[in-house]
Amino acid sequence: MTLWRCTNFNRSFFYALQIVYFSNTAATANPFVIAFMLGLVQLIAGIGWSLSFELHAYAAINWGQALPPVIILGVFASFAAQLLQVIGQRNTDATSAGLILMTEPLFGSLFSVVGGFEALTNNLLLGGLLIIVSILIMEINLRKIIFTRRKQFLFKSKQPHAKDKN
């Protein structure tokens, strides 16, 4: 297994743990405290990762131009989004929250195509379709729909018809 697949698996696992943890604690904890702690952990882990693997590229960075967008992305894309997630998870279960958060790559790809940064390919279409279908499968209770229709059909077939009464 390659390093990339291991790190991807670990991220997915801990992201799922985060969603489950939020579903259990979001109702009772202060969302600002949770979001601040998440931001702090991300800051420390991000700096550690950068110092470990990107230190050689620091000399080529124009820090005056690079820091403002990084700070804006860190505050709005990470902190504000996670704060809204924690607040939103007070009103939903972990499965629904996970499914909603699964749409992040879908919308990222959509905005990338709309913005002209990426070409629309069959793989993007297939991936987006798979995400939408998986969300529908998880959220729609097919068993209830099938059995309700079957009961309605059976109930209608057992009722006497109008001409049978005469």
N, C-alpha and C. Protein backbone atom coordinates (compact mmCIF):
# COMPACT_ATOMS: atom_id res chain seq x y z
N MET A 1 0.85 -1.17 0.00
CA MET A 1 0.00 0.00 0.00
C MET A 1 0.90 1.24 0.00
N THR A 2 0.60 2.19 -0.85
CA THR A 2 1.43 3.37 -0.96
C THR A 2 1.16 4.33 0.19
N LEU A 3 2.08 5.26 0.38
CA LEU A 3 1.94 6.27 1.43
C LEU A 3 0.69 7.09 1.20
N TRP A 4 0.39 7.42 -0.06
CA TRP A 4 -0.79 8.23 -0.37
C TRP A 4 -2.06 7.52 0.05
N ARG A 5 -2.16 6.24 -0.24
CA ARG A 5 -3.37 5.49 0.12
C ARG A 5 -3.50 5.35 1.64
N CYS A 6 -2.40 5.18 2.32
CA CYS A 6 -2.44 5.09 3.78
C CYS A 6 -2.92 6.40 4.40
N THR A 7 -2.36 7.51 3.94
CA THR A 7 -2.80 8.79 4.49
C THR A 7 -4.24 9.10 4.11
N ASN A 8 -4.65 8.71 2.92
CA ASN A 8 -6.04 8.93 2.50
C ASN A 8 -6.98 8.11 3.36
N PHE A 9 -6.63 6.85 3.64
CA PHE A 9 -7.45 6.01 4.51
C PHE A 9 -7.53 6.60 5.91
N ASN A 10 -6.39 7.05 6.44
CA ASN A 10 -6.37 7.64 7.78
C ASN A 10 -7.23 8.89 7.85
N ARG A 11 -7.14 9.75 6.83
CA ARG A 11 -7.98 10.95 6.81
C ARG A 11 -9.45 10.60 6.80
N SER A 12 -9.82 9.63 5.98
CA SER A 12 -11.22 9.22 5.90
C SER A 12 -11.71 8.65 7.22
N PHE A 13 -10.88 7.84 7.85
CA PHE A 13 -11.25 7.23 9.12
C PHE A 13 -11.46 8.30 10.19
N PHE A 14 -10.50 9.22 10.32
CA PHE A 14 -10.61 10.25 11.35
C PHE A 14 -11.71 11.26 11.04
N TYR A 15 -11.99 11.48 9.77
CA TYR A 15 -13.10 12.36 9.39
C TYR A 15 -14.43 11.73 9.81
N ALA A 16 -14.56 10.43 9.62
CA ALA A 16 -15.77 9.73 10.05
C ALA A 16 -15.89 9.76 11.58
N LEU A 17 -14.78 9.58 12.28
CA LEU A 17 -14.81 9.69 13.74
C LEU A 17 -15.23 11.08 14.18
N GLN A 18 -14.76 12.10 13.47
CA GLN A 18 -15.12 13.47 13.79
C GLN A 18 -16.62 13.68 13.64
N ILE A 19 -17.22 13.15 12.59
CA ILE A 19 -18.65 13.30 12.37
C ILE A 19 -19.44 12.61 13.47
N VAL A 20 -19.03 11.41 13.85
CA VAL A 20 -19.71 10.68 14.91
C VAL A 20 -19.55 11.42 16.24
N TYR A 21 -18.36 11.93 16.51
CA TYR A 21 -18.11 12.68 17.74
C TYR A 21 -18.99 13.92 17.80
N PHE A 22 -19.07 14.64 16.67
CA PHE A 22 -19.92 15.84 16.63
C PHE A 22 -21.38 15.49 16.88
N SER A 23 -21.83 14.38 16.35
CA SER A 23 -23.24 14.03 16.54
C SER A 23 -23.54 13.73 17.99
N ASN A 24 -22.54 13.26 18.74
CA ASN A 24 -22.76 12.95 20.15
C ASN A 24 -22.56 14.15 21.07
N THR A 25 -21.68 15.07 20.71
CA THR A 25 -21.37 16.18 21.61
C THR A 25 -21.92 17.53 21.17
N ALA A 26 -22.35 17.64 19.93
CA ALA A 26 -22.78 18.95 19.43
C ALA A 26 -24.00 19.49 20.17
N ALA A 27 -24.84 18.62 20.68
CA ALA A 27 -26.05 19.08 21.36
C ALA A 27 -25.74 19.70 22.72
N THR A 28 -24.65 19.29 23.35
CA THR A 28 -24.37 19.77 24.69
C THR A 28 -23.18 20.72 24.77
N ALA A 29 -22.25 20.65 23.85
CA ALA A 29 -21.03 21.46 23.92
C ALA A 29 -21.21 22.80 23.22
N ASN A 30 -20.38 23.74 23.58
CA ASN A 30 -20.37 25.05 22.93
C ASN A 30 -19.70 24.89 21.57
N PRO A 31 -20.40 25.21 20.46
CA PRO A 31 -19.82 25.01 19.14
C PRO A 31 -18.57 25.85 18.88
N PHE A 32 -18.47 27.00 19.52
CA PHE A 32 -17.29 27.84 19.33
C PHE A 32 -16.05 27.19 19.94
N VAL A 33 -16.22 26.52 21.07
CA VAL A 33 -15.10 25.83 21.71
C VAL A 33 -14.64 24.67 20.83
N ILE A 34 -15.60 23.90 20.31
CA ILE A 34 -15.24 22.77 19.44
C ILE A 34 -14.54 23.27 18.18
N ALA A 35 -15.09 24.30 17.55
CA ALA A 35 -14.48 24.83 16.32
C ALA A 35 -13.09 25.41 16.60
N PHE A 36 -12.92 26.09 17.73
CA PHE A 36 -11.61 26.64 18.08
C PHE A 36 -10.60 25.53 18.30
N MET A 37 -10.99 24.47 19.00
CA MET A 37 -10.08 23.35 19.23
C MET A 37 -9.72 22.65 17.92
N LEU A 38 -10.69 22.49 17.03
CA LEU A 38 -10.41 21.92 15.72
C LEU A 38 -9.42 22.78 14.95
N GLY A 39 -9.65 24.08 14.97
CA GLY A 39 -8.75 25.00 14.27
C GLY A 39 -7.34 24.94 14.83
N LEU A 40 -7.24 24.85 16.14
CA LEU A 40 -5.93 24.77 16.79
C LEU A 40 -5.20 23.48 16.40
N VAL A 41 -5.91 22.37 16.40
CA VAL A 41 -5.31 21.09 15.99
C VAL A 41 -4.89 21.14 14.53
N GLN A 42 -5.74 21.72 13.67
CA GLN A 42 -5.39 21.82 12.25
C GLN A 42 -4.19 22.73 12.04
N LEU A 43 -4.11 23.81 12.79
CA LEU A 43 -2.97 24.72 12.69
C LEU A 43 -1.68 24.02 13.08
N ILE A 44 -1.69 23.33 14.20
CA ILE A 44 -0.49 22.63 14.67
C ILE A 44 -0.10 21.51 13.71
N ALA A 45 -1.08 20.71 13.27
CA ALA A 45 -0.79 19.62 12.34
C ALA A 45 -0.33 20.15 10.99
N GLY A 46 -0.94 21.23 10.52
CA GLY A 46 -0.55 21.82 9.23
C GLY A 46 0.86 22.38 9.26
N ILE A 47 1.21 23.05 10.34
CA ILE A 47 2.57 23.58 10.46
C ILE A 47 3.56 22.43 10.56
N GLY A 48 3.22 21.42 11.32
CA GLY A 48 4.10 20.24 11.43
C GLY A 48 4.31 19.57 10.09
N TRP A 49 3.24 19.39 9.33
CA TRP A 49 3.32 18.77 7.99
C TRP A 49 4.17 19.63 7.07
N SER A 50 3.91 20.94 7.08
CA SER A 50 4.65 21.85 6.22
C SER A 50 6.14 21.86 6.55
N LEU A 51 6.46 21.90 7.83
CA LEU A 51 7.87 21.88 8.23
C LEU A 51 8.53 20.55 7.89
N SER A 52 7.77 19.48 7.90
CA SER A 52 8.34 18.16 7.61
C SER A 52 8.59 17.93 6.13
N PHE A 53 7.68 18.42 5.27
CA PHE A 53 7.75 18.05 3.86
C PHE A 53 7.94 19.22 2.89
N GLU A 54 7.74 20.45 3.34
CA GLU A 54 7.79 21.58 2.41
C GLU A 54 8.80 22.65 2.80
N LEU A 55 9.64 22.36 3.73
CA LEU A 55 10.60 23.34 4.22
C LEU A 55 11.52 23.85 3.12
N HIS A 56 11.90 22.98 2.19
CA HIS A 56 12.81 23.36 1.12
C HIS A 56 12.20 24.40 0.18
N ALA A 57 10.87 24.50 0.12
CA ALA A 57 10.21 25.43 -0.80
C ALA A 57 9.96 26.80 -0.17
N TYR A 58 10.27 26.98 1.10
CA TYR A 58 10.00 28.25 1.78
C TYR A 58 10.74 29.44 1.17
N ALA A 59 11.94 29.21 0.66
CA ALA A 59 12.74 30.31 0.12
C ALA A 59 12.11 30.91 -1.13
N ALA A 60 11.36 30.13 -1.87
CA ALA A 60 10.76 30.62 -3.12
C ALA A 60 9.40 31.29 -2.92
N ILE A 61 8.90 31.31 -1.70
CA ILE A 61 7.57 31.86 -1.44
C ILE A 61 7.66 33.36 -1.21
N ASN A 62 6.77 34.10 -1.85
CA ASN A 62 6.62 35.53 -1.59
C ASN A 62 5.62 35.64 -0.44
N TRP A 63 6.12 35.77 0.78
CA TRP A 63 5.29 35.69 1.96
C TRP A 63 4.27 36.83 2.04
N GLY A 64 4.60 37.99 1.50
CA GLY A 64 3.67 39.12 1.52
C GLY A 64 2.41 38.84 0.71
N GLN A 65 2.56 38.10 -0.38
CA GLN A 65 1.41 37.76 -1.21
C GLN A 65 0.76 36.44 -0.77
N ALA A 66 1.52 35.57 -0.17
CA ALA A 66 0.99 34.24 0.17
C ALA A 66 0.19 34.21 1.46
N LEU A 67 0.59 34.98 2.46
CA LEU A 67 -0.06 34.88 3.77
C LEU A 67 -1.52 35.35 3.80
N PRO A 68 -1.86 36.50 3.20
CA PRO A 68 -3.28 36.91 3.28
C PRO A 68 -4.27 35.87 2.74
N PRO A 69 -4.05 35.27 1.54
CA PRO A 69 -5.00 34.24 1.11
C PRO A 69 -5.01 33.00 2.00
N VAL A 70 -3.85 32.64 2.53
CA VAL A 70 -3.79 31.47 3.41
C VAL A 70 -4.57 31.73 4.70
N ILE A 71 -4.43 32.93 5.24
CA ILE A 71 -5.16 33.27 6.47
C ILE A 71 -6.66 33.33 6.19
N ILE A 72 -7.05 33.93 5.07
CA ILE A 72 -8.47 34.00 4.71
C ILE A 72 -9.04 32.60 4.53
N LEU A 73 -8.31 31.74 3.82
CA LEU A 73 -8.78 30.37 3.64
C LEU A 73 -8.85 29.62 4.97
N GLY A 74 -7.86 29.84 5.81
CA GLY A 74 -7.85 29.17 7.11
C GLY A 74 -9.01 29.60 7.99
N VAL A 75 -9.32 30.89 7.97
CA VAL A 75 -10.40 31.39 8.81
C VAL A 75 -11.76 31.04 8.24
N PHE A 76 -11.98 31.31 6.96
CA PHE A 76 -13.31 31.12 6.39
C PHE A 76 -13.56 29.70 5.91
N ALA A 77 -12.61 29.11 5.21
CA ALA A 77 -12.85 27.78 4.66
C ALA A 77 -12.76 26.70 5.73
N SER A 78 -11.95 26.89 6.73
CA SER A 78 -11.81 25.86 7.76
C SER A 78 -12.63 26.20 9.01
N PHE A 79 -12.27 27.29 9.65
CA PHE A 79 -12.89 27.60 10.95
C PHE A 79 -14.39 27.87 10.81
N ALA A 80 -14.77 28.75 9.91
CA ALA A 80 -16.19 29.09 9.77
C ALA A 80 -17.00 27.90 9.27
N ALA A 81 -16.45 27.14 8.33
CA ALA A 81 -17.17 25.98 7.82
C ALA A 81 -17.37 24.93 8.92
N GLN A 82 -16.36 24.70 9.73
CA GLN A 82 -16.50 23.72 10.80
C GLN A 82 -17.42 24.21 11.91
N LEU A 83 -17.40 25.51 12.15
CA LEU A 83 -18.34 26.07 13.13
C LEU A 83 -19.77 25.85 12.65
N LEU A 84 -20.04 26.12 11.38
CA LEU A 84 -21.37 25.89 10.83
C LEU A 84 -21.73 24.40 10.85
N GLN A 85 -20.74 23.54 10.61
CA GLN A 85 -20.98 22.10 10.66
C GLN A 85 -21.38 21.67 12.06
N VAL A 86 -20.66 22.13 13.06
CA VAL A 86 -20.96 21.74 14.45
C VAL A 86 -22.35 22.25 14.84
N ILE A 87 -22.66 23.48 14.47
CA ILE A 87 -23.99 24.03 14.78
C ILE A 87 -25.07 23.25 14.04
N GLY A 88 -24.82 22.94 12.77
CA GLY A 88 -25.80 22.20 11.98
C GLY A 88 -26.01 20.78 12.44
N GLN A 89 -24.97 20.15 12.97
CA GLN A 89 -25.10 18.77 13.41
C GLN A 89 -25.90 18.63 14.69
N ARG A 90 -26.26 19.74 15.31
CA ARG A 90 -27.17 19.67 16.45
C ARG A 90 -28.54 19.20 16.01
N ASN A 91 -28.87 19.45 14.75
CA ASN A 91 -30.22 19.17 14.26
C ASN A 91 -30.30 17.98 13.33
N THR A 92 -29.24 17.21 13.22
CA THR A 92 -29.27 16.06 12.31
C THR A 92 -28.45 14.92 12.89
N ASP A 93 -28.64 13.74 12.34
CA ASP A 93 -27.88 12.58 12.81
C ASP A 93 -26.56 12.46 12.05
N ALA A 94 -25.69 11.59 12.52
CA ALA A 94 -24.36 11.45 11.94
C ALA A 94 -24.41 10.96 10.50
N THR A 95 -25.33 10.06 10.18
CA THR A 95 -25.41 9.53 8.82
C THR A 95 -25.77 10.63 7.82
N SER A 96 -26.79 11.41 8.15
CA SER A 96 -27.19 12.49 7.25
C SER A 96 -26.09 13.53 7.12
N ALA A 97 -25.44 13.86 8.22
CA ALA A 97 -24.36 14.84 8.17
C ALA A 97 -23.22 14.33 7.31
N GLY A 98 -22.87 13.06 7.46
CA GLY A 98 -21.81 12.48 6.63
C GLY A 98 -22.17 12.51 5.16
N LEU A 99 -23.42 12.21 4.85
CA LEU A 99 -23.86 12.22 3.46
C LEU A 99 -23.83 13.63 2.88
N ILE A 100 -24.25 14.59 3.66
CA ILE A 100 -24.20 15.98 3.20
C ILE A 100 -22.76 16.40 2.96
N LEU A 101 -21.87 16.03 3.87
CA LEU A 101 -20.47 16.41 3.72
C LEU A 101 -19.78 15.66 2.59
N MET A 102 -20.38 14.53 2.15
CA MET A 102 -19.84 13.81 0.99
C MET A 102 -19.95 14.63 -0.29
N THR A 103 -20.82 15.62 -0.30
CA THR A 103 -21.00 16.42 -1.51
C THR A 103 -19.90 17.46 -1.69
N GLU A 104 -18.99 17.58 -0.74
CA GLU A 104 -17.92 18.57 -0.86
C GLU A 104 -17.09 18.38 -2.13
N PRO A 105 -16.62 17.17 -2.46
CA PRO A 105 -15.87 17.03 -3.71
C PRO A 105 -16.73 17.27 -4.94
N LEU A 106 -18.00 16.96 -4.84
CA LEU A 106 -18.92 17.21 -5.96
C LEU A 106 -18.99 18.70 -6.26
N PHE A 107 -19.22 19.51 -5.24
CA PHE A 107 -19.31 20.94 -5.46
C PHE A 107 -17.95 21.56 -5.78
N GLY A 108 -16.87 21.00 -5.23
CA GLY A 108 -15.54 21.48 -5.58
C GLY A 108 -15.26 21.28 -7.07
N SER A 109 -15.60 20.11 -7.57
CA SER A 109 -15.42 19.83 -9.00
C SER A 109 -16.35 20.68 -9.84
N LEU A 110 -17.59 20.86 -9.38
CA LEU A 110 -18.56 21.67 -10.12
C LEU A 110 -18.07 23.11 -10.27
N PHE A 111 -17.62 23.71 -9.17
CA PHE A 111 -17.11 25.08 -9.24
C PHE A 111 -15.82 25.17 -10.05
N SER A 112 -15.02 24.13 -10.02
CA SER A 112 -13.80 24.11 -10.82
C SER A 112 -14.11 24.09 -12.31
N VAL A 113 -15.13 23.32 -12.69
CA VAL A 113 -15.53 23.26 -14.10
C VAL A 113 -16.19 24.57 -14.52
N VAL A 114 -17.10 25.09 -13.68
CA VAL A 114 -17.80 26.34 -14.00
C VAL A 114 -16.80 27.51 -14.09
N GLY A 115 -15.80 27.49 -13.22
CA GLY A 115 -14.79 28.55 -13.23
C GLY A 115 -13.78 28.43 -14.35
N GLY A 116 -13.84 27.33 -15.11
CA GLY A 116 -12.93 27.15 -16.23
C GLY A 116 -11.56 26.64 -15.85
N PHE A 117 -11.40 26.15 -14.62
CA PHE A 117 -10.10 25.65 -14.18
C PHE A 117 -9.87 24.20 -14.56
N GLU A 118 -10.95 23.48 -14.83
CA GLU A 118 -10.86 22.05 -15.11
C GLU A 118 -11.86 21.71 -16.21
N ALA A 119 -11.49 20.76 -17.04
CA ALA A 119 -12.39 20.32 -18.11
C ALA A 119 -13.40 19.31 -17.56
N LEU A 120 -14.60 19.33 -18.12
CA LEU A 120 -15.62 18.37 -17.73
C LEU A 120 -15.32 17.04 -18.42
N THR A 121 -15.05 16.02 -17.62
CA THR A 121 -14.69 14.71 -18.17
C THR A 121 -15.73 13.68 -17.77
N ASN A 122 -15.65 12.54 -18.40
CA ASN A 122 -16.56 11.44 -18.04
C ASN A 122 -16.34 10.98 -16.60
N ASN A 123 -15.11 11.00 -16.14
CA ASN A 123 -14.82 10.60 -14.76
C ASN A 123 -15.47 11.54 -13.76
N LEU A 124 -15.45 12.85 -14.04
CA LEU A 124 -16.11 13.80 -13.15
C LEU A 124 -17.62 13.58 -13.14
N LEU A 125 -18.19 13.35 -14.31
CA LEU A 125 -19.63 13.09 -14.37
C LEU A 125 -20.00 11.81 -13.63
N LEU A 126 -19.23 10.76 -13.86
CA LEU A 126 -19.51 9.48 -13.20
C LEU A 126 -19.34 9.60 -11.68
N GLY A 127 -18.29 10.26 -11.25
CA GLY A 127 -18.06 10.44 -9.81
C GLY A 127 -19.18 11.25 -9.17
N GLY A 128 -19.60 12.33 -9.80
CA GLY A 128 -20.71 13.13 -9.27
C GLY A 128 -22.00 12.34 -9.22
N LEU A 129 -22.25 11.56 -10.26
CA LEU A 129 -23.45 10.73 -10.31
C LEU A 129 -23.43 9.68 -9.21
N LEU A 130 -22.27 9.06 -8.98
CA LEU A 130 -22.16 8.06 -7.91
C LEU A 130 -22.41 8.68 -6.53
N ILE A 131 -21.91 9.88 -6.32
CA ILE A 131 -22.13 10.56 -5.04
C ILE A 131 -23.61 10.83 -4.83
N ILE A 132 -24.27 11.34 -5.86
CA ILE A 132 -25.70 11.65 -5.75
C ILE A 132 -26.53 10.39 -5.55
N VAL A 133 -26.23 9.34 -6.30
CA VAL A 133 -26.97 8.07 -6.17
C VAL A 133 -26.74 7.47 -4.78
N SER A 134 -25.52 7.53 -4.26
CA SER A 134 -25.27 6.97 -2.93
C SER A 134 -26.03 7.74 -1.86
N ILE A 135 -26.12 9.05 -2.00
CA ILE A 135 -26.89 9.84 -1.04
C ILE A 135 -28.37 9.48 -1.12
N LEU A 136 -28.89 9.33 -2.32
CA LEU A 136 -30.30 8.96 -2.48
C LEU A 136 -30.57 7.57 -1.89
N ILE A 137 -29.68 6.63 -2.12
CA ILE A 137 -29.86 5.27 -1.59
C ILE A 137 -29.89 5.29 -0.06
N MET A 138 -29.01 6.08 0.55
CA MET A 138 -28.95 6.12 2.00
C MET A 138 -30.12 6.88 2.63
N GLU A 139 -30.62 7.90 1.96
CA GLU A 139 -31.64 8.75 2.55
C GLU A 139 -33.06 8.29 2.26
N ILE A 140 -33.28 7.63 1.14
CA ILE A 140 -34.63 7.19 0.79
C ILE A 140 -34.83 5.79 1.34
N ASN A 141 -35.91 5.60 2.04
CA ASN A 141 -36.22 4.30 2.62
C ASN A 141 -36.94 3.47 1.56
N LEU A 142 -36.17 2.76 0.74
CA LEU A 142 -36.75 1.97 -0.36
C LEU A 142 -37.62 0.84 0.16
N ARG A 143 -37.24 0.24 1.26
CA ARG A 143 -38.01 -0.87 1.81
C ARG A 143 -39.42 -0.40 2.18
N LYS A 144 -39.51 0.78 2.78
CA LYS A 144 -40.82 1.32 3.15
C LYS A 144 -41.66 1.60 1.91
N ILE A 145 -41.05 2.17 0.89
CA ILE A 145 -41.77 2.49 -0.35
C ILE A 145 -42.26 1.22 -1.02
N ILE A 146 -41.41 0.21 -1.12
CA ILE A 146 -41.78 -1.04 -1.79
C ILE A 146 -42.89 -1.76 -1.03
N PHE A 147 -42.75 -1.89 0.30
CA PHE A 147 -43.75 -2.60 1.07
C PHE A 147 -45.07 -1.83 1.16
N THR A 148 -45.01 -0.51 1.20
CA THR A 148 -46.24 0.28 1.21
C THR A 148 -47.00 0.09 -0.09
N ARG A 149 -46.30 0.13 -1.20
CA ARG A 149 -46.95 -0.09 -2.50
C ARG A 149 -47.49 -1.51 -2.62
N ARG A 150 -46.74 -2.49 -2.10
CA ARG A 150 -47.19 -3.87 -2.17
C ARG A 150 -48.46 -4.06 -1.33
N LYS A 151 -48.49 -3.44 -0.13
CA LYS A 151 -49.68 -3.54 0.71
C LYS A 151 -50.87 -2.86 0.04
N GLN A 152 -50.63 -1.70 -0.58
CA GLN A 152 -51.73 -1.01 -1.27
C GLN A 152 -52.24 -1.85 -2.42
N PHE A 153 -51.35 -2.49 -3.16
CA PHE A 153 -51.76 -3.34 -4.27
C PHE A 153 -52.55 -4.54 -3.78
N LEU A 154 -52.06 -5.18 -2.72
CA LEU A 154 -52.76 -6.34 -2.17
C LEU A 154 -54.11 -5.95 -1.60
N PHE A 155 -54.17 -4.79 -0.94
CA PHE A 155 -55.42 -4.33 -0.35
C PHE A 155 -56.45 -4.04 -1.44
N LYS A 156 -56.01 -3.43 -2.53
CA LYS A 156 -56.93 -3.12 -3.64
C LYS A 156 -57.40 -4.40 -4.32
N SER A 157 -56.56 -5.41 -4.44
CA SER A 157 -56.95 -6.64 -5.13
C SER A 157 -57.92 -7.46 -4.28
N LYS A 158 -57.93 -7.30 -2.94
CA LYS A 158 -58.84 -8.05 -2.08
C LYS A 158 -60.20 -7.39 -1.94
N GLN A 159 -60.33 -6.11 -2.32
CA GLN A 159 -61.62 -5.43 -2.22
C GLN A 159 -62.53 -5.90 -3.34
N PRO A 160 -63.82 -6.10 -3.03
CA PRO A 160 -64.75 -6.49 -4.10
C PRO A 160 -64.96 -5.34 -5.07
N HIS A 161 -65.08 -5.67 -6.33
CA HIS A 161 -65.31 -4.66 -7.33
C HIS A 161 -66.79 -4.27 -7.32
N ALA A 162 -67.08 -3.14 -7.92
CA ALA A 162 -68.46 -2.63 -7.93
C ALA A 162 -69.41 -3.58 -8.63
N LYS A 163 -69.01 -4.21 -9.73
CA LYS A 163 -69.92 -5.14 -10.44
C LYS A 163 -70.07 -6.46 -9.71
N ASP A 164 -69.11 -6.82 -8.81
CA ASP A 164 -69.25 -8.06 -8.03
C ASP A 164 -70.32 -7.94 -6.96
N LYS A 165 -70.65 -6.72 -6.53
CA LYS A 165 -71.62 -6.52 -5.47
C LYS A 165 -73.04 -6.82 -5.98
N ASN A 166 -73.33 -6.62 -7.25
CA ASN A 166 -74.69 -6.81 -7.78
C ASN A 166 -74.99 -8.23 -8.09
